[in-house]
Amino acid sequence: MAVWDHWHPVLDVSRLAQRPVGVMLAGREIVVFRSAGGAIGAFDDCCPHRRMRLSLGSVSEGKLVCQYHGWSFDCHGAGESPGTPKLRAQARAYETQVRHGWVWLRAAGASTEFPQLDGAGYRFVGALRHEMQAPLEIVLDNFTEVEHTPTTHALLGYEMTRMAEVETRVDSTSDSVRVYNSGPQKKISPAIEFLFGIRTGDLFVDDWTTRFSPVYTCYDQYWQDAKTGAAKGARWRNYVFFNPITPERTELATFAFIQPSPAGGWRNWFLFDPALKWLVGREIAFDKQMVESLADKRPDIDGMKLSRFDKVLGMHRSRIETIYRGNADAPASEIHASAVV
């Protein structure tokens, strides 16, 4: 098992027009293109002939044509030379699917399951892409704790003065880690309260599960009445996929869903999808700023003084190594409760 054996969302399909597009995943440069018939091909972005980047080429008659010597490749990576017709070549190809408006790929012949994005009862708002200058583990750390929300986020999170009241629970299986958080919603603008049908002081619940084939987190975010516990307001469901580009860079692909509040300020929610998508992007941009400002971005956690919100850091690292990277002999790095204050 290797990183490329898992399905990853790598490209907004709308970017595939007349020319191929180059992407990178775990240090591999990969070219993606669409033939005239609509089939999508993906293979290593390096011509087997003389190593030219195939993403600099063009698409003609359903094949990707290398700009250097004109060799052409079909969607499965099978190539031929115009100058030596009997000569054949094979680029390393990847399986592809298009879902939720994005191209997903994995290594040819891999047997991993496709991650299921369950949007039943929700409306799909859109997908967003962000890139962060930090390793996979460090980026995931930021997105799987709520202690930073008072200082970093404008909408989703808790008040600094009431963080001690926030309940946090961790449950794990061999291939997943779930975190449940509940506490008083931080102060937000009256317009946002009106839109979402909530009020400052309502309980904000941030309930997520992280899985590792590939590495992604499903966030269920909603509000409850602080006195009765009754559900109120809108509900978010966001899927965030963490794609390592290089050991120092990570790409996020976010698929945002919303379940509008019957008591919200606007009934025709679909008219505000661009604004809702902007809100999600803005919150992630705040995360990006913090993550990229870290003084030390090494993935290891040795020497850190960890809080009760950080119990998952070791759990994530052990599962990334064994499930995602396929290193069965990787040392365990679980953080036990006794090691966390």
C-alpha atoms as a PDB file:
ATOM      1  CA  MET A   1       0.000   0.000   0.000  1.00  0.00           C
ATOM      2  CA  ALA A   2       1.260   3.480  -0.891  1.00  0.00           C
ATOM      3  CA  VAL A   3      -0.141   7.005  -0.870  1.00  0.00           C
ATOM      4  CA  TRP A   4      -1.104   6.844  -4.559  1.00  0.00           C
ATOM      5  CA  ASP A   5      -3.222   3.716  -3.980  1.00  0.00           C
ATOM      6  CA  HIS A   6      -5.909   5.854  -2.300  1.00  0.00           C
ATOM      7  CA  TRP A   7      -8.459   7.944  -4.167  1.00  0.00           C
ATOM      8  CA  HIS A   8      -7.564  11.658  -4.035  1.00  0.00           C
ATOM      9  CA  PRO A   9      -9.449  14.681  -5.390  1.00  0.00           C
ATOM     10  CA  VAL A  10      -6.784  16.470  -7.407  1.00  0.00           C
ATOM     11  CA  LEU A  11      -8.458  18.861  -9.839  1.00  0.00           C
ATOM     12  CA  ASP A  12     -11.633  20.842 -10.449  1.00  0.00           C
ATOM     13  CA  VAL A  13     -12.932  19.257 -13.639  1.00  0.00           C
ATOM     14  CA  SER A  14     -13.849  22.692 -15.018  1.00  0.00           C
ATOM     15  CA  ARG A  15     -10.118  23.351 -15.451  1.00  0.00           C
ATOM     16  CA  LEU A  16      -9.922  20.637 -18.101  1.00  0.00           C
ATOM     17  CA  ALA A  17     -10.645  22.404 -21.355  1.00  0.00           C
ATOM     18  CA  GLN A  18      -8.546  22.051 -24.491  1.00  0.00           C
ATOM     19  CA  ARG A  19      -5.197  21.564 -22.806  1.00  0.00           C
ATOM     20  CA  PRO A  20      -3.782  19.103 -20.265  1.00  0.00           C
ATOM     21  CA  VAL A  21      -3.222  20.188 -16.668  1.00  0.00           C
ATOM     22  CA  GLY A  22      -0.354  19.231 -14.398  1.00  0.00           C
ATOM     23  CA  VAL A  23      -0.952  18.369 -10.736  1.00  0.00           C
ATOM     24  CA  MET A  24       1.281  17.013  -7.993  1.00  0.00           C
ATOM     25  CA  LEU A  25       0.546  14.360  -5.387  1.00  0.00           C
ATOM     26  CA  ALA A  26       3.069  13.098  -2.845  1.00  0.00           C
ATOM     27  CA  GLY A  27       6.012  14.277  -4.912  1.00  0.00           C
ATOM     28  CA  ARG A  28       4.784  12.849  -8.212  1.00  0.00           C
ATOM     29  CA  GLU A  29       3.987  15.162 -11.079  1.00  0.00           C
ATOM     30  CA  ILE A  30       0.876  13.884 -12.859  1.00  0.00           C
ATOM     31  CA  VAL A  31      -0.762  15.116 -16.045  1.00  0.00           C
ATOM     32  CA  VAL A  32      -4.547  15.067 -16.417  1.00  0.00           C
ATOM     33  CA  PHE A  33      -6.391  15.598 -19.697  1.00  0.00           C
ATOM     34  CA  ARG A  34      -9.769  15.068 -21.303  1.00  0.00           C
ATOM     35  CA  SER A  35     -10.219  13.578 -24.745  1.00  0.00           C
ATOM     36  CA  ALA A  36     -12.699  14.875 -27.300  1.00  0.00           C
ATOM     37  CA  GLY A  37     -15.026  12.035 -26.296  1.00  0.00           C
ATOM     38  CA  GLY A  38     -14.988  13.117 -22.652  1.00  0.00           C
ATOM     39  CA  ALA A  39     -12.760  10.359 -21.276  1.00  0.00           C
ATOM     40  CA  ILE A  40     -10.243  11.547 -18.691  1.00  0.00           C
ATOM     41  CA  GLY A  41      -6.707  10.244 -18.584  1.00  0.00           C
ATOM     42  CA  ALA A  42      -3.999  10.689 -15.963  1.00  0.00           C
ATOM     43  CA  PHE A  43      -0.415   9.492 -15.968  1.00  0.00           C
ATOM     44  CA  ASP A  44       3.050  10.586 -14.932  1.00  0.00           C
ATOM     45  CA  ASP A  45       3.852  14.031 -16.274  1.00  0.00           C
ATOM     46  CA  CYS A  46       7.021  12.845 -17.961  1.00  0.00           C
ATOM     47  CA  CYS A  47       7.268  11.567 -21.512  1.00  0.00           C
ATOM     48  CA  PRO A  48       8.897   8.086 -21.575  1.00  0.00           C
ATOM     49  CA  HIS A  49      10.811   9.187 -24.669  1.00  0.00           C
ATOM     50  CA  ARG A  50      12.944  12.135 -23.551  1.00  0.00           C
ATOM     51  CA  ARG A  51      11.298  13.171 -20.261  1.00  0.00           C
ATOM     52  CA  MET A  52       9.479  16.282 -21.418  1.00  0.00           C
ATOM     53  CA  ARG A  53       6.579  17.411 -19.229  1.00  0.00           C
ATOM     54  CA  LEU A  54       3.477  16.147 -20.996  1.00  0.00           C
ATOM     55  CA  SER A  55       1.354  18.841 -19.350  1.00  0.00           C
ATOM     56  CA  LEU A  56       3.042  21.301 -21.729  1.00  0.00           C
ATOM     57  CA  GLY A  57       1.617  19.426 -24.703  1.00  0.00           C
ATOM     58  CA  SER A  58      -1.783  19.478 -26.382  1.00  0.00           C
ATOM     59  CA  VAL A  59      -4.773  17.224 -26.983  1.00  0.00           C
ATOM     60  CA  SER A  60      -5.452  16.059 -30.524  1.00  0.00           C
ATOM     61  CA  GLU A  61      -7.792  13.358 -31.807  1.00  0.00           C
ATOM     62  CA  GLY A  62      -8.434  12.107 -28.278  1.00  0.00           C
ATOM     63  CA  LYS A  63      -4.767  11.756 -27.374  1.00  0.00           C
ATOM     64  CA  LEU A  64      -2.244  13.811 -25.434  1.00  0.00           C
ATOM     65  CA  VAL A  65       0.564  14.931 -27.728  1.00  0.00           C
ATOM     66  CA  CYS A  66       4.021  15.716 -26.363  1.00  0.00           C
ATOM     67  CA  GLN A  67       5.204  19.122 -27.533  1.00  0.00           C
ATOM     68  CA  TYR A  68       8.829  17.965 -27.881  1.00  0.00           C
ATOM     69  CA  HIS A  69       8.767  15.161 -30.456  1.00  0.00           C
ATOM     70  CA  GLY A  70       5.057  14.661 -31.066  1.00  0.00           C
ATOM     71  CA  TRP A  71       4.658  11.325 -29.348  1.00  0.00           C
ATOM     72  CA  SER A  72       0.987  10.720 -28.506  1.00  0.00           C
ATOM     73  CA  PHE A  73      -0.659   8.921 -25.582  1.00  0.00           C
ATOM     74  CA  ASP A  74      -4.176   7.632 -25.046  1.00  0.00           C
ATOM     75  CA  CYS A  75      -6.104   7.888 -21.764  1.00  0.00           C
ATOM     76  CA  HIS A  76      -4.420   4.717 -20.483  1.00  0.00           C
ATOM     77  CA  GLY A  77      -0.898   6.017 -21.066  1.00  0.00           C
ATOM     78  CA  ALA A  78      -0.184   3.907 -24.154  1.00  0.00           C
ATOM     79  CA  GLY A  79       2.059   5.918 -26.474  1.00  0.00           C
ATOM     80  CA  GLU A  80       3.392   5.805 -29.988  1.00  0.00           C
ATOM     81  CA  SER A  81       6.003   7.638 -32.001  1.00  0.00           C
ATOM     82  CA  PRO A  82       5.134   9.367 -35.290  1.00  0.00           C
ATOM     83  CA  GLY A  83       8.725   8.973 -36.455  1.00  0.00           C
ATOM     84  CA  THR A  84       9.023   5.298 -35.550  1.00  0.00           C
ATOM     85  CA  PRO A  85       5.490   3.881 -35.923  1.00  0.00           C
ATOM     86  CA  LYS A  86       6.349   0.409 -34.625  1.00  0.00           C
ATOM     87  CA  LEU A  87       7.857   1.825 -31.433  1.00  0.00           C
ATOM     88  CA  ARG A  88       5.529   1.736 -28.435  1.00  0.00           C
ATOM     89  CA  ALA A  89       5.783   3.346 -24.998  1.00  0.00           C
ATOM     90  CA  GLN A  90       3.802   3.179 -21.779  1.00  0.00           C
ATOM     91  CA  ALA A  91       3.465   5.986 -19.255  1.00  0.00           C
ATOM     92  CA  ARG A  92       2.525   5.055 -15.697  1.00  0.00           C
ATOM     93  CA  ALA A  93      -1.236   5.584 -15.660  1.00  0.00           C
ATOM     94  CA  TYR A  94      -3.791   6.236 -12.933  1.00  0.00           C
ATOM     95  CA  GLU A  95      -7.457   5.367 -12.635  1.00  0.00           C
ATOM     96  CA  THR A  96      -9.787   8.364 -12.668  1.00  0.00           C
ATOM     97  CA  GLN A  97     -13.331   9.256 -11.673  1.00  0.00           C
ATOM     98  CA  VAL A  98     -15.273  12.507 -11.719  1.00  0.00           C
ATOM     99  CA  ARG A  99     -17.402  13.162  -8.642  1.00  0.00           C
ATOM    100  CA  HIS A 100     -18.706  16.343  -7.044  1.00  0.00           C
ATOM    101  CA  GLY A 101     -17.179  18.310  -9.893  1.00  0.00           C
ATOM    102  CA  TRP A 102     -13.611  17.122  -9.294  1.00  0.00           C
ATOM    103  CA  VAL A 103     -11.256  14.627 -10.893  1.00  0.00           C
ATOM    104  CA  TRP A 104     -10.191  11.888  -8.472  1.00  0.00           C
ATOM    105  CA  LEU A 105      -7.341   9.493  -9.137  1.00  0.00           C
ATOM    106  CA  ARG A 106      -5.528   6.505  -7.708  1.00  0.00           C
ATOM    107  CA  ALA A 107      -2.847   4.107  -8.918  1.00  0.00           C
ATOM    108  CA  ALA A 108      -3.984   1.692 -11.606  1.00  0.00           C
ATOM    109  CA  GLY A 109      -4.946  -1.678 -10.173  1.00  0.00           C
ATOM    110  CA  ALA A 110      -5.340  -0.466  -6.577  1.00  0.00           C
ATOM    111  CA  SER A 111      -8.217  -1.942  -4.575  1.00  0.00           C
ATOM    112  CA  THR A 112      -8.992   0.823  -2.076  1.00  0.00           C
ATOM    113  CA  GLU A 113     -12.593   1.952  -1.673  1.00  0.00           C
ATOM    114  CA  PHE A 114     -13.820   5.326  -2.867  1.00  0.00           C
ATOM    115  CA  PRO A 115     -14.528   7.676   0.065  1.00  0.00           C
ATOM    116  CA  GLN A 116     -18.243   8.257   0.461  1.00  0.00           C
ATOM    117  CA  LEU A 117     -19.430  11.853   0.732  1.00  0.00           C
ATOM    118  CA  ASP A 118     -22.865  11.619   2.316  1.00  0.00           C
ATOM    119  CA  GLY A 119     -24.846  14.755   1.528  1.00  0.00           C
ATOM    120  CA  ALA A 120     -28.321  13.290   2.084  1.00  0.00           C
ATOM    121  CA  GLY A 121     -30.563  16.028   3.441  1.00  0.00           C
ATOM    122  CA  TYR A 122     -27.976  18.696   2.631  1.00  0.00           C
ATOM    123  CA  ARG A 123     -27.402  20.948  -0.348  1.00  0.00           C
ATOM    124  CA  PHE A 124     -23.993  21.001  -2.017  1.00  0.00           C
ATOM    125  CA  VAL A 125     -22.613  24.540  -1.797  1.00  0.00           C
ATOM    126  CA  GLY A 126     -19.393  23.973  -3.717  1.00  0.00           C
ATOM    127  CA  ALA A 127     -15.779  22.836  -3.578  1.00  0.00           C
ATOM    128  CA  LEU A 128     -12.714  24.860  -2.657  1.00  0.00           C
ATOM    129  CA  ARG A 129      -8.971  24.396  -2.974  1.00  0.00           C
ATOM    130  CA  HIS A 130      -6.285  25.739  -0.637  1.00  0.00           C
ATOM    131  CA  GLU A 131      -2.564  25.087  -0.434  1.00  0.00           C
ATOM    132  CA  MET A 132      -0.541  25.374   2.754  1.00  0.00           C
ATOM    133  CA  GLN A 133       3.209  25.513   3.197  1.00  0.00           C
ATOM    134  CA  ALA A 134       3.375  22.838   5.881  1.00  0.00           C
ATOM    135  CA  PRO A 135       3.561  19.031   6.121  1.00  0.00           C
ATOM    136  CA  LEU A 136       0.454  16.871   6.075  1.00  0.00           C
ATOM    137  CA  GLU A 137       0.583  16.074   9.797  1.00  0.00           C
ATOM    138  CA  ILE A 138       0.926  19.718  10.843  1.00  0.00           C
ATOM    139  CA  VAL A 139      -1.980  20.832   8.663  1.00  0.00           C
ATOM    140  CA  LEU A 140      -4.183  18.009   9.944  1.00  0.00           C
ATOM    141  CA  ASP A 141      -3.281  18.944  13.532  1.00  0.00           C
ATOM    142  CA  ASN A 142      -4.706  22.419  13.013  1.00  0.00           C
ATOM    143  CA  PHE A 143      -7.961  21.135  11.551  1.00  0.00           C
ATOM    144  CA  THR A 144      -8.598  18.609  14.313  1.00  0.00           C
ATOM    145  CA  GLU A 145      -8.627  20.739  17.446  1.00  0.00           C
ATOM    146  CA  VAL A 146     -10.803  23.670  18.520  1.00  0.00           C
ATOM    147  CA  GLU A 147      -8.463  25.374  20.974  1.00  0.00           C
ATOM    148  CA  HIS A 148      -7.373  27.817  18.265  1.00  0.00           C
ATOM    149  CA  THR A 149     -10.892  28.900  17.281  1.00  0.00           C
ATOM    150  CA  PRO A 150     -11.158  31.875  19.694  1.00  0.00           C
ATOM    151  CA  THR A 151      -8.054  33.544  18.242  1.00  0.00           C
ATOM    152  CA  THR A 152      -8.267  32.413  14.625  1.00  0.00           C
ATOM    153  CA  HIS A 153     -11.843  32.126  13.405  1.00  0.00           C
ATOM    154  CA  ALA A 154     -14.557  34.686  12.764  1.00  0.00           C
ATOM    155  CA  LEU A 155     -17.586  32.376  12.693  1.00  0.00           C
ATOM    156  CA  LEU A 156     -17.026  28.833  13.896  1.00  0.00           C
ATOM    157  CA  GLY A 157     -15.740  28.389  17.415  1.00  0.00           C
ATOM    158  CA  TYR A 158     -15.785  29.390  21.035  1.00  0.00           C
ATOM    159  CA  GLU A 159     -15.023  32.359  23.312  1.00  0.00           C
ATOM    160  CA  MET A 160     -11.534  32.413  24.829  1.00  0.00           C
ATOM    161  CA  THR A 161     -12.937  33.269  28.266  1.00  0.00           C
ATOM    162  CA  ARG A 162     -15.193  30.190  28.145  1.00  0.00           C
ATOM    163  CA  MET A 163     -12.846  27.593  26.639  1.00  0.00           C
ATOM    164  CA  ALA A 164     -12.713  25.781  29.976  1.00  0.00           C
ATOM    165  CA  GLU A 165     -16.432  25.058  29.515  1.00  0.00           C
ATOM    166  CA  VAL A 166     -15.941  23.353  26.152  1.00  0.00           C
ATOM    167  CA  GLU A 167     -16.555  19.624  26.318  1.00  0.00           C
ATOM    168  CA  THR A 168     -14.308  17.493  24.127  1.00  0.00           C
ATOM    169  CA  ARG A 169     -14.472  13.712  23.671  1.00  0.00           C
ATOM    170  CA  VAL A 170     -12.339  11.385  21.568  1.00  0.00           C
ATOM    171  CA  ASP A 171     -13.384   7.979  20.221  1.00  0.00           C
ATOM    172  CA  SER A 172     -11.244   5.901  17.906  1.00  0.00           C
ATOM    173  CA  THR A 173     -11.210   2.690  15.906  1.00  0.00           C
ATOM    174  CA  SER A 174      -8.359   1.050  14.059  1.00  0.00           C
ATOM    175  CA  ASP A 175      -9.036   3.221  10.998  1.00  0.00           C
ATOM    176  CA  SER A 176     -10.792   6.354  12.280  1.00  0.00           C
ATOM    177  CA  VAL A 177     -10.631   9.030  14.968  1.00  0.00           C
ATOM    178  CA  ARG A 178     -13.736  10.922  16.061  1.00  0.00           C
ATOM    179  CA  VAL A 179     -13.759  14.133  18.123  1.00  0.00           C
ATOM    180  CA  TYR A 180     -16.899  15.690  19.617  1.00  0.00           C
ATOM    181  CA  ASN A 181     -16.786  19.278  20.910  1.00  0.00           C
ATOM    182  CA  SER A 182     -19.583  21.317  22.462  1.00  0.00           C
ATOM    183  CA  GLY A 183     -19.531  24.750  24.065  1.00  0.00           C
ATOM    184  CA  PRO A 184     -20.914  28.308  23.968  1.00  0.00           C
ATOM    185  CA  GLN A 185     -20.811  29.877  20.496  1.00  0.00           C
ATOM    186  CA  LYS A 186     -18.438  32.843  20.266  1.00  0.00           C
ATOM    187  CA  LYS A 187     -19.801  36.302  19.530  1.00  0.00           C
ATOM    188  CA  ILE A 188     -20.569  36.823  15.836  1.00  0.00           C
ATOM    189  CA  SER A 189     -22.199  39.576  13.819  1.00  0.00           C
ATOM    190  CA  PRO A 190     -25.994  40.044  14.020  1.00  0.00           C
ATOM    191  CA  ALA A 191     -26.196  39.495  10.255  1.00  0.00           C
ATOM    192  CA  ILE A 192     -24.637  36.034  10.553  1.00  0.00           C
ATOM    193  CA  GLU A 193     -26.864  35.211  13.519  1.00  0.00           C
ATOM    194  CA  PHE A 194     -29.869  36.234  11.426  1.00  0.00           C
ATOM    195  CA  LEU A 195     -28.751  34.189   8.429  1.00  0.00           C
ATOM    196  CA  PHE A 196     -28.074  31.013  10.389  1.00  0.00           C
ATOM    197  CA  GLY A 197     -30.947  31.300  12.849  1.00  0.00           C
ATOM    198  CA  ILE A 198     -28.692  31.273  15.932  1.00  0.00           C
ATOM    199  CA  ARG A 199     -27.597  33.537  18.768  1.00  0.00           C
ATOM    200  CA  THR A 200     -24.367  34.129  20.642  1.00  0.00           C
ATOM    201  CA  GLY A 201     -24.368  31.781  23.619  1.00  0.00           C
ATOM    202  CA  ASP A 202     -26.081  28.919  21.824  1.00  0.00           C
ATOM    203  CA  LEU A 203     -24.116  25.693  22.070  1.00  0.00           C
ATOM    204  CA  PHE A 204     -21.917  25.172  19.031  1.00  0.00           C
ATOM    205  CA  VAL A 205     -21.235  21.507  18.292  1.00  0.00           C
ATOM    206  CA  ASP A 206     -18.194  20.612  16.193  1.00  0.00           C
ATOM    207  CA  ASP A 207     -18.299  16.852  15.620  1.00  0.00           C
ATOM    208  CA  TRP A 208     -15.851  15.317  13.176  1.00  0.00           C
ATOM    209  CA  THR A 209     -14.394  11.988  12.109  1.00  0.00           C
ATOM    210  CA  THR A 210     -11.019  11.598  10.410  1.00  0.00           C
ATOM    211  CA  ARG A 211     -10.281   8.634   8.157  1.00  0.00           C
ATOM    212  CA  PHE A 212      -7.044   7.647   6.502  1.00  0.00           C
ATOM    213  CA  SER A 213      -7.741   6.105   3.066  1.00  0.00           C
ATOM    214  CA  PRO A 214      -7.114   8.831   1.963  1.00  0.00           C
ATOM    215  CA  VAL A 215      -6.624  11.318   4.813  1.00  0.00           C
ATOM    216  CA  TYR A 216      -9.846  13.292   5.141  1.00  0.00           C
ATOM    217  CA  THR A 217     -12.174  14.638   7.805  1.00  0.00           C
ATOM    218  CA  CYS A 218     -15.962  14.906   7.774  1.00  0.00           C
ATOM    219  CA  TYR A 219     -17.176  17.803   9.928  1.00  0.00           C
ATOM    220  CA  ASP A 220     -20.737  18.023  11.237  1.00  0.00           C
ATOM    221  CA  GLN A 221     -21.230  21.509  12.662  1.00  0.00           C
ATOM    222  CA  TYR A 222     -24.488  22.674  14.206  1.00  0.00           C
ATOM    223  CA  TRP A 223     -26.051  24.545  17.121  1.00  0.00           C
ATOM    224  CA  GLN A 224     -28.237  23.656  20.095  1.00  0.00           C
ATOM    225  CA  ASP A 225     -30.290  25.679  22.544  1.00  0.00           C
ATOM    226  CA  ALA A 226     -28.115  26.100  25.637  1.00  0.00           C
ATOM    227  CA  LYS A 227     -31.029  25.433  28.008  1.00  0.00           C
ATOM    228  CA  THR A 228     -32.995  22.683  26.284  1.00  0.00           C
ATOM    229  CA  GLY A 229     -30.407  21.087  24.017  1.00  0.00           C
ATOM    230  CA  ALA A 230     -32.849  21.302  21.109  1.00  0.00           C
ATOM    231  CA  ALA A 231     -31.314  21.633  17.662  1.00  0.00           C
ATOM    232  CA  LYS A 232     -31.543  25.073  16.106  1.00  0.00           C
ATOM    233  CA  GLY A 233     -30.118  26.966  13.185  1.00  0.00           C
ATOM    234  CA  ALA A 234     -28.407  25.736  10.063  1.00  0.00           C
ATOM    235  CA  ARG A 235     -26.175  22.660   9.868  1.00  0.00           C
ATOM    236  CA  TRP A 236     -22.894  22.392   7.990  1.00  0.00           C
ATOM    237  CA  ARG A 237     -21.309  19.225   6.682  1.00  0.00           C
ATOM    238  CA  ASN A 238     -17.858  19.748   5.246  1.00  0.00           C
ATOM    239  CA  TYR A 239     -15.496  17.124   3.880  1.00  0.00           C
ATOM    240  CA  VAL A 240     -11.862  18.221   3.869  1.00  0.00           C
ATOM    241  CA  PHE A 241      -9.276  16.102   2.032  1.00  0.00           C
ATOM    242  CA  PHE A 242      -5.630  16.592   2.946  1.00  0.00           C
ATOM    243  CA  ASN A 243      -3.419  15.847  -0.067  1.00  0.00           C
ATOM    244  CA  PRO A 244       0.347  15.902   0.493  1.00  0.00           C
ATOM    245  CA  ILE A 245       1.948  17.668  -2.453  1.00  0.00           C
ATOM    246  CA  THR A 246       5.507  17.424  -1.158  1.00  0.00           C
ATOM    247  CA  PRO A 247       6.829  16.737   2.355  1.00  0.00           C
ATOM    248  CA  GLU A 248       6.534  20.493   3.016  1.00  0.00           C
ATOM    249  CA  ARG A 249       3.319  21.377   1.154  1.00  0.00           C
ATOM    250  CA  THR A 250      -0.258  20.192   1.595  1.00  0.00           C
ATOM    251  CA  GLU A 251      -3.326  20.800  -0.545  1.00  0.00           C
ATOM    252  CA  LEU A 252      -6.830  20.936   0.895  1.00  0.00           C
ATOM    253  CA  ALA A 253      -9.882  20.042  -1.168  1.00  0.00           C
ATOM    254  CA  THR A 254     -13.061  21.024   0.679  1.00  0.00           C
ATOM    255  CA  PHE A 255     -16.564  19.918  -0.294  1.00  0.00           C
ATOM    256  CA  ALA A 256     -19.121  22.055   1.533  1.00  0.00           C
ATOM    257  CA  PHE A 257     -22.729  21.096   2.230  1.00  0.00           C
ATOM    258  CA  ILE A 258     -25.407  22.975   4.168  1.00  0.00           C
ATOM    259  CA  GLN A 259     -28.796  22.195   5.627  1.00  0.00           C
ATOM    260  CA  PRO A 260     -30.546  25.572   5.865  1.00  0.00           C
ATOM    261  CA  SER A 261     -32.375  26.594   9.002  1.00  0.00           C
ATOM    262  CA  PRO A 262     -36.173  26.902   8.739  1.00  0.00           C
ATOM    263  CA  ALA A 263     -35.829  29.831  11.129  1.00  0.00           C
ATOM    264  CA  GLY A 264     -32.971  31.446   9.229  1.00  0.00           C
ATOM    265  CA  GLY A 265     -33.177  34.965   7.917  1.00  0.00           C
ATOM    266  CA  TRP A 266     -33.400  34.024   4.220  1.00  0.00           C
ATOM    267  CA  ARG A 267     -35.607  31.380   2.671  1.00  0.00           C
ATOM    268  CA  ASN A 268     -34.054  31.257  -0.809  1.00  0.00           C
ATOM    269  CA  TRP A 269     -30.732  29.931   0.441  1.00  0.00           C
ATOM    270  CA  PHE A 270     -29.543  28.827  -2.967  1.00  0.00           C
ATOM    271  CA  LEU A 271     -29.235  32.502  -3.911  1.00  0.00           C
ATOM    272  CA  PHE A 272     -26.563  32.853  -1.252  1.00  0.00           C
ATOM    273  CA  ASP A 273     -24.403  29.852  -2.150  1.00  0.00           C
ATOM    274  CA  PRO A 274     -21.535  32.101  -3.336  1.00  0.00           C
ATOM    275  CA  ALA A 275     -21.588  33.904   0.019  1.00  0.00           C
ATOM    276  CA  LEU A 276     -21.708  30.624   1.947  1.00  0.00           C
ATOM    277  CA  LYS A 277     -18.807  29.252  -0.077  1.00  0.00           C
ATOM    278  CA  TRP A 278     -16.907  32.474   0.617  1.00  0.00           C
ATOM    279  CA  LEU A 279     -17.500  32.056   4.366  1.00  0.00           C
ATOM    280  CA  VAL A 280     -16.027  28.548   4.296  1.00  0.00           C
ATOM    281  CA  GLY A 281     -13.052  29.751   2.269  1.00  0.00           C
ATOM    282  CA  ARG A 282     -12.496  32.658   4.629  1.00  0.00           C
ATOM    283  CA  GLU A 283     -12.359  30.393   7.678  1.00  0.00           C
ATOM    284  CA  ILE A 284      -9.826  28.124   5.944  1.00  0.00           C
ATOM    285  CA  ALA A 285      -7.770  31.161   4.915  1.00  0.00           C
ATOM    286  CA  PHE A 286      -7.489  32.088   8.601  1.00  0.00           C
ATOM    287  CA  ASP A 287      -6.199  28.568   9.293  1.00  0.00           C
ATOM    288  CA  LYS A 288      -3.678  28.887   6.483  1.00  0.00           C
ATOM    289  CA  GLN A 289      -2.289  32.095   7.949  1.00  0.00           C
ATOM    290  CA  MET A 290      -1.761  30.476  11.346  1.00  0.00           C
ATOM    291  CA  VAL A 291      -0.294  27.217  10.062  1.00  0.00           C
ATOM    292  CA  GLU A 292       2.209  28.956   7.807  1.00  0.00           C
ATOM    293  CA  SER A 293       3.312  31.189  10.711  1.00  0.00           C
ATOM    294  CA  LEU A 294       4.491  28.278  12.865  1.00  0.00           C
ATOM    295  CA  ALA A 295       8.105  28.577  13.994  1.00  0.00           C
ATOM    296  CA  ASP A 296       8.709  24.827  13.766  1.00  0.00           C
ATOM    297  CA  LYS A 297       6.855  22.704  11.221  1.00  0.00           C
ATOM    298  CA  ARG A 298       8.511  19.372  11.857  1.00  0.00           C
ATOM    299  CA  PRO A 299       5.896  16.599  11.897  1.00  0.00           C
ATOM    300  CA  ASP A 300       7.150  14.967  15.104  1.00  0.00           C
ATOM    301  CA  ILE A 301       5.510  15.824  18.430  1.00  0.00           C
ATOM    302  CA  ASP A 302       8.457  15.173  20.729  1.00  0.00           C
ATOM    303  CA  GLY A 303       8.874  17.850  23.376  1.00  0.00           C
ATOM    304  CA  MET A 304       5.461  19.451  22.886  1.00  0.00           C
ATOM    305  CA  LYS A 305       3.415  20.387  25.955  1.00  0.00           C
ATOM    306  CA  LEU A 306       0.016  19.139  24.883  1.00  0.00           C
ATOM    307  CA  SER A 307      -3.432  20.033  26.198  1.00  0.00           C
ATOM    308  CA  ARG A 308      -6.662  18.051  26.485  1.00  0.00           C
ATOM    309  CA  PHE A 309      -7.551  19.181  22.955  1.00  0.00           C
ATOM    310  CA  ASP A 310      -4.434  17.524  21.493  1.00  0.00           C
ATOM    311  CA  LYS A 311      -5.073  13.856  22.306  1.00  0.00           C
ATOM    312  CA  VAL A 312      -5.533  12.961  18.646  1.00  0.00           C
ATOM    313  CA  LEU A 313      -2.103  14.072  17.411  1.00  0.00           C
ATOM    314  CA  GLY A 314      -0.424  10.735  18.065  1.00  0.00           C
ATOM    315  CA  MET A 315      -3.459   8.754  16.928  1.00  0.00           C
ATOM    316  CA  HIS A 316      -3.374  10.513  13.588  1.00  0.00           C
ATOM    317  CA  ARG A 317       0.326   9.948  13.053  1.00  0.00           C
ATOM    318  CA  SER A 318       0.182   6.215  13.704  1.00  0.00           C
ATOM    319  CA  ARG A 319      -2.762   5.781  11.309  1.00  0.00           C
ATOM    320  CA  ILE A 320      -1.176   7.955   8.636  1.00  0.00           C
ATOM    321  CA  GLU A 321       1.898   5.743   8.723  1.00  0.00           C
ATOM    322  CA  THR A 322       0.153   2.374   8.773  1.00  0.00           C
ATOM    323  CA  ILE A 323      -3.022   2.966   6.733  1.00  0.00           C
ATOM    324  CA  TYR A 324      -2.193   5.845   4.424  1.00  0.00           C
ATOM    325  CA  ARG A 325       1.503   5.274   3.763  1.00  0.00           C
ATOM    326  CA  GLY A 326       1.359   1.521   4.237  1.00  0.00           C
ATOM    327  CA  ASN A 327       4.256   1.299   6.699  1.00  0.00           C
ATOM    328  CA  ALA A 328       3.060  -1.692   8.696  1.00  0.00           C
ATOM    329  CA  ASP A 329       6.155  -1.654  10.918  1.00  0.00           C
ATOM    330  CA  ALA A 330       5.842   2.024  11.844  1.00  0.00           C
ATOM    331  CA  PRO A 331       6.236   2.607  15.599  1.00  0.00           C
ATOM    332  CA  ALA A 332       3.071   3.437  17.511  1.00  0.00           C
ATOM    333  CA  SER A 333       2.792   7.066  18.570  1.00  0.00           C
ATOM    334  CA  GLU A 334      -0.484   7.125  20.448  1.00  0.00           C
ATOM    335  CA  ILE A 335      -0.746   9.868  23.043  1.00  0.00           C
ATOM    336  CA  HIS A 336      -2.253   8.446  26.195  1.00  0.00           C
ATOM    337  CA  ALA A 337      -4.421  10.514  28.509  1.00  0.00           C
ATOM    338  CA  SER A 338      -1.708  10.484  31.175  1.00  0.00           C
ATOM    339  CA  ALA A 339       0.593  12.375  28.816  1.00  0.00           C
ATOM    340  CA  VAL A 340      -1.874  15.166  28.218  1.00  0.00           C
ATOM    341  CA  VAL A 341      -2.698  17.849  30.759  1.00  0.00           C
END
